[in-house]
Protein backbone atom coordinates (compact mmCIF):
# COMPACT_ATOMS: atom_id res chain seq x y z
CA MET A 1 -87.72 24.57 15.72
CA HIS A 2 -84.11 24.93 16.70
CA PHE A 3 -83.03 24.07 13.15
CA LEU A 4 -85.49 26.57 11.62
CA ILE A 5 -84.30 29.32 13.97
CA GLU A 6 -80.64 28.64 13.22
CA LEU A 7 -81.25 28.42 9.46
CA SER A 8 -83.27 31.65 9.48
CA SER A 9 -80.63 33.46 11.54
CA PHE A 10 -77.84 32.26 9.26
CA PHE A 11 -79.76 33.27 6.13
CA LYS A 12 -80.71 36.70 7.54
CA GLN A 13 -77.12 37.41 8.55
CA LYS A 14 -75.71 36.42 5.15
CA LEU A 15 -78.46 38.28 3.30
CA THR A 16 -77.94 41.54 5.16
CA SER A 17 -74.13 41.41 5.20
CA LYS A 18 -73.28 39.94 1.79
CA ILE A 19 -76.20 40.29 -0.63
CA ILE A 20 -78.22 43.42 0.22
CA PRO A 21 -75.17 45.71 -0.04
CA LEU A 22 -74.72 44.56 -3.65
CA LEU A 23 -78.29 45.27 -4.73
CA GLU A 24 -79.37 48.56 -6.26
CA ILE A 25 -82.94 48.05 -5.12
CA PRO A 26 -83.55 45.45 -2.41
CA PRO A 27 -86.77 43.42 -2.77
CA GLU A 28 -89.68 44.28 -0.48
CA ILE A 29 -89.86 40.78 0.96
CA MET A 30 -86.62 39.17 2.08
CA GLY A 31 -86.61 36.04 4.15
CA LEU A 32 -87.51 32.39 4.44
CA THR A 33 -90.87 30.70 4.81
CA PHE A 34 -91.53 27.14 5.90
CA GLY A 35 -94.32 24.58 5.54
CA ILE A 36 -94.50 21.32 7.48
CA ASP A 37 -96.75 18.29 7.19
CA GLY A 38 -96.20 14.70 8.21
CA GLY A 39 -96.94 11.25 6.92
CA ASN A 40 -95.53 8.46 4.83
CA LEU A 41 -93.12 9.11 1.99
CA ILE A 42 -92.14 6.86 -0.85
CA GLY A 43 -88.43 6.46 -1.47
CA ILE A 44 -87.32 6.15 -5.09
CA VAL A 45 -84.00 6.24 -6.88
CA MET A 46 -83.87 8.80 -9.66
CA ASP A 47 -80.72 9.52 -11.64
CA MET A 48 -78.85 7.28 -9.18
CA LYS A 49 -79.88 9.51 -6.23
CA GLN A 50 -82.29 8.72 -3.41
CA GLU A 51 -85.40 10.91 -3.70
CA TYR A 52 -88.71 11.01 -1.85
CA ILE A 53 -92.24 11.66 -3.04
CA GLY A 54 -95.59 11.74 -1.30
CA ARG A 55 -98.52 13.79 -0.13
CA PRO A 56 -96.72 15.29 2.93
CA ILE A 57 -94.15 16.96 0.66
CA ASN A 58 -96.90 18.32 -1.57
CA ILE A 59 -98.87 19.66 1.42
CA ALA A 60 -95.73 21.19 2.99
CA CYS A 61 -94.96 23.01 -0.26
CA ARG A 62 -98.53 24.30 -0.51
CA LEU A 63 -98.42 25.46 3.12
CA GLN A 64 -95.17 27.31 2.49
CA SER A 65 -96.69 29.00 -0.54
CA ALA A 66 -99.91 29.84 1.34
CA ILE A 67 -98.06 31.91 3.92
CA LYS A 68 -97.88 34.86 1.55
CA ASP A 69 -101.62 34.72 0.80
CA ASN A 70 -102.69 36.45 4.04
CA GLU A 71 -99.46 37.98 5.30
CA LYS A 72 -98.08 41.44 4.57
CA HIS A 73 -94.70 40.25 5.88
CA PRO A 74 -94.51 36.50 5.20
CA GLU A 75 -90.80 36.16 5.89
CA TYR A 76 -89.61 33.97 8.77
CA LYS A 77 -92.93 32.23 9.33
CA LEU A 78 -93.89 28.57 9.59
CA LEU A 79 -97.27 27.16 8.56
CA VAL A 80 -97.81 23.63 9.86
CA THR A 81 -100.79 21.31 9.58
CA LYS A 82 -102.94 21.15 12.68
CA HIS A 83 -102.39 17.40 13.18
CA VAL A 84 -98.59 17.71 13.00
CA PHE A 85 -98.65 20.69 15.36
CA ASN A 86 -100.77 18.77 17.89
CA LYS A 87 -98.59 15.67 17.62
CA HIS A 88 -95.10 17.23 17.59
CA LEU A 89 -95.10 20.95 18.37
CA LYS A 90 -97.90 21.61 20.85
CA SER A 91 -95.53 21.43 23.83
CA LEU A 92 -93.35 24.24 22.48
CA THR A 93 -93.45 27.33 24.65
CA GLY A 94 -92.70 30.93 23.77
CA TYR A 95 -93.57 30.78 20.06
CA ASN A 96 -97.16 32.11 20.17
CA PRO A 97 -98.72 29.73 17.64
CA VAL A 98 -101.91 30.99 15.97
CA ASN A 99 -104.63 28.71 14.63
CA ASP A 100 -105.24 29.47 10.98
CA VAL A 101 -107.31 28.28 8.06
CA ARG A 102 -105.96 28.33 4.51
CA THR A 103 -107.09 27.17 1.11
CA LEU A 104 -104.26 25.19 -0.43
CA ARG A 105 -103.96 25.23 -4.21
CA ASN A 106 -105.11 21.96 -5.82
CA ILE A 107 -105.68 20.30 -2.44
CA ARG A 108 -109.12 19.00 -1.39
CA GLU A 109 -110.81 20.87 -4.24
CA GLY A 110 -110.42 24.23 -2.47
CA GLU A 111 -111.70 23.17 0.95
CA GLU A 112 -110.30 25.05 3.92
CA TYR A 113 -107.30 23.44 5.60
CA GLN A 114 -106.73 23.68 9.37
CA CYS A 115 -103.20 24.77 10.22
CA VAL A 116 -101.09 26.71 12.71
CA MET A 117 -98.89 29.76 11.99
CA ILE A 118 -95.71 30.23 14.00
CA ASP A 119 -93.31 33.17 13.76
CA ILE A 120 -89.67 32.13 13.64
CA PRO A 121 -87.90 34.32 16.21
CA SER A 122 -84.59 36.02 15.51
CA ARG A 123 -81.81 34.61 17.59
CA PRO A 124 -78.09 34.91 17.14
CA ILE A 125 -76.31 31.99 15.55
CA VAL A 126 -74.42 29.86 18.01
CA GLN A 127 -70.79 29.70 16.92
CA TYR A 128 -69.33 26.26 17.44
CA PRO A 129 -65.58 25.88 17.89
CA THR A 130 -63.74 24.54 14.87
CA LYS A 131 -61.38 21.62 15.29
């Protein structure tokens, strides 16, 4: 969560200070969304670079995409599978997770998928001293 908060804060700061001032008409939705699943990945080498494939990546991408399906303001939200939330994130405090059900495109033939929605809070970026 710390990484997602820092990444979101960094992106929001750069977006508002460097990009939005250059736009004639800013888009309605501006921000990041995240999807997380867990499981085994398969490592392959493609074009002499290490890459990974597997169902967890596919599910995470579908979760990220599904955020906008039911949200008027999807920016800075995380949708995580219920089993990953229970295993890794349940002990988090202060994030107000909400149980959710989504239909993920091309997953389980349209069956509902149990997941948890978490808002990514705005926090200032911690500036680390440069050496």
